Amino acid sequence: MDDFQWQVLNTAAKRGYYGASREDLFSDMRGVRYKQLEEAVKALEQDGCVEVEWTGPNKFVVNITEKGTEMVKSEYKERLAEYEKRIEEQKAAATDKEPEALFQCGNCNALVSQDSKECPECGAKFEG
């Protein structure tokens, strides 16, 4: 499922029994063109994920179906699993790095790397 259809389906799921009106969808998804929105809604309707009630020539309300609800649940679980995986990878990458050894400059009390030859704050020279 592409990201745009996911946003439409997710908005309809959040609105529950009342359904998501065209205005609800536009407020949740900024910068969307009507034609793009209509095509996504019609594709979701063809897939049986939503039911569309046309209230005017360019106005509609989208109600999610059982199939759509299941798709939202499974997509949410997949996205959550991907997010948790990225978090774990970031944690692993952060723990792989050794912390840099620092000491305090005797002149200005700035923290300085152990490998530095001079203080970046005050310019004091270090021996060593």
Protein backbone atom coordinates (compact mmCIF):
# COMPACT_ATOMS: atom_id res chain seq x y z
CA MET A 1 0.00 0.00 0.00
CA ASP A 2 1.42 3.35 -0.95
CA ASP A 3 1.85 6.02 1.68
CA PHE A 4 -0.92 8.28 0.37
CA GLN A 5 -3.54 5.52 0.43
CA TRP A 6 -2.33 4.62 3.92
CA GLN A 7 -2.96 8.19 5.06
CA VAL A 8 -6.49 8.16 3.62
CA LEU A 9 -7.27 4.81 5.21
CA ASN A 10 -5.74 5.81 8.54
CA THR A 11 -7.77 9.04 8.64
CA ALA A 12 -10.96 7.10 7.91
CA ALA A 13 -10.07 4.63 10.66
CA LYS A 14 -9.50 7.45 13.16
CA ARG A 15 -12.89 8.97 12.36
CA GLY A 16 -14.60 5.62 13.03
CA TYR A 17 -18.38 5.46 12.76
CA TYR A 18 -18.71 9.02 11.47
CA GLY A 19 -16.37 8.50 8.55
CA ALA A 20 -13.90 10.98 7.11
CA SER A 21 -15.28 13.78 4.99
CA ARG A 22 -13.37 15.34 2.14
CA GLU A 23 -12.60 18.27 4.46
CA ASP A 24 -11.25 15.92 7.17
CA LEU A 25 -8.91 14.34 4.64
CA PHE A 26 -7.72 17.72 3.37
CA SER A 27 -7.03 18.94 6.91
CA ASP A 28 -5.06 15.78 7.80
CA MET A 29 -3.06 15.75 4.57
CA ARG A 30 -1.76 19.18 3.64
CA GLY A 31 -0.88 20.06 0.05
CA VAL A 32 -3.09 17.41 -1.55
CA ARG A 33 -4.83 17.98 -4.86
CA TYR A 34 -8.47 16.97 -5.14
CA LYS A 35 -7.86 14.73 -8.17
CA GLN A 36 -5.13 12.81 -6.31
CA LEU A 37 -7.41 12.38 -3.29
CA GLU A 38 -10.35 11.24 -5.40
CA GLU A 39 -8.21 8.65 -7.22
CA ALA A 40 -6.90 7.24 -3.92
CA VAL A 41 -10.41 7.04 -2.46
CA LYS A 42 -11.76 5.29 -5.58
CA ALA A 43 -8.86 2.80 -5.56
CA LEU A 44 -9.50 2.01 -1.89
CA GLU A 45 -13.19 1.60 -2.65
CA GLN A 46 -12.41 -0.84 -5.49
CA ASP A 47 -10.22 -2.85 -3.11
CA GLY A 48 -13.10 -3.04 -0.64
CA CYS A 49 -11.25 -1.12 2.07
CA VAL A 50 -13.71 1.78 2.24
CA GLU A 51 -17.25 2.67 1.32
CA VAL A 52 -17.76 6.11 -0.20
CA GLU A 53 -20.93 8.14 0.23
CA TRP A 54 -21.09 10.92 -2.34
CA THR A 55 -22.84 13.95 -0.81
CA GLY A 56 -22.32 16.27 -3.76
CA PRO A 57 -20.48 16.55 -7.08
CA ASN A 58 -17.09 16.89 -5.37
CA LYS A 59 -17.98 16.02 -1.78
CA PHE A 60 -17.89 12.65 -0.10
CA VAL A 61 -17.59 10.80 3.18
CA VAL A 62 -15.28 7.78 3.46
CA ASN A 63 -16.26 4.97 5.83
CA ILE A 64 -13.80 2.20 6.58
CA THR A 65 -14.83 -1.44 6.10
CA GLU A 66 -13.71 -4.53 8.03
CA LYS A 67 -11.13 -5.25 5.34
CA GLY A 68 -9.84 -1.68 5.64
CA THR A 69 -9.66 -1.97 9.42
CA GLU A 70 -7.59 -5.14 9.13
CA MET A 71 -5.31 -3.47 6.59
CA VAL A 72 -4.77 -0.49 8.92
CA LYS A 73 -3.93 -2.84 11.79
CA SER A 74 -1.43 -4.88 9.76
CA GLU A 75 0.17 -1.80 8.18
CA TYR A 76 0.47 -0.15 11.58
CA LYS A 77 2.15 -3.27 13.01
CA GLU A 78 4.61 -3.36 10.09
CA ARG A 79 5.46 0.34 10.44
CA LEU A 80 5.87 -0.02 14.20
CA ALA A 81 8.18 -3.03 13.75
CA GLU A 82 10.31 -1.07 11.23
CA TYR A 83 10.49 1.88 13.62
CA GLU A 84 11.51 -0.33 16.56
CA LYS A 85 14.16 -2.01 14.38
CA ARG A 86 15.64 1.40 13.45
CA ILE A 87 15.69 2.43 17.11
CA GLU A 88 17.51 -0.77 18.08
CA GLU A 89 20.04 -0.26 15.26
CA GLN A 90 20.67 3.30 16.44
CA LYS A 91 21.12 2.12 20.03
CA ALA A 92 23.57 -0.57 18.88
CA ALA A 93 25.53 1.95 16.82
CA ALA A 94 25.68 4.34 19.77
CA THR A 95 26.96 1.68 22.18
CA ASP A 96 29.63 0.50 19.71
CA LYS A 97 31.43 3.83 19.96
CA GLU A 98 33.87 4.31 22.80
CA PRO A 99 33.31 7.48 24.75
CA GLU A 100 35.94 10.10 24.09
CA ALA A 101 38.32 10.72 26.98
CA LEU A 102 38.12 14.35 28.13
CA PHE A 103 39.97 16.43 30.68
CA GLN A 104 39.49 19.90 32.05
CA CYS A 105 41.66 22.79 30.90
CA GLY A 106 43.54 24.20 33.88
CA ASN A 107 43.29 27.72 32.50
CA CYS A 108 39.59 28.11 31.59
CA ASN A 109 37.97 24.86 32.87
CA ALA A 110 36.70 23.92 29.37
CA LEU A 111 36.40 20.21 28.55
CA VAL A 112 39.10 19.21 26.08
CA SER A 113 39.79 15.97 24.22
CA GLN A 114 42.69 13.97 25.61
CA ASP A 115 44.46 14.11 22.22
CA SER A 116 44.33 17.93 21.94
CA LYS A 117 47.55 19.94 21.93
CA GLU A 118 45.78 23.20 22.84
CA CYS A 119 42.49 24.34 24.37
CA PRO A 120 39.90 25.31 21.75
CA GLU A 121 38.43 27.89 24.17
CA CYS A 122 41.41 29.83 25.50
CA GLY A 123 44.27 28.61 23.31
CA ALA A 124 46.39 27.28 26.22
CA LYS A 125 49.10 24.84 25.05
CA PHE A 126 49.29 21.35 26.56
CA GLU A 127 52.37 19.22 26.99
CA GLY A 128 52.36 15.72 26.22
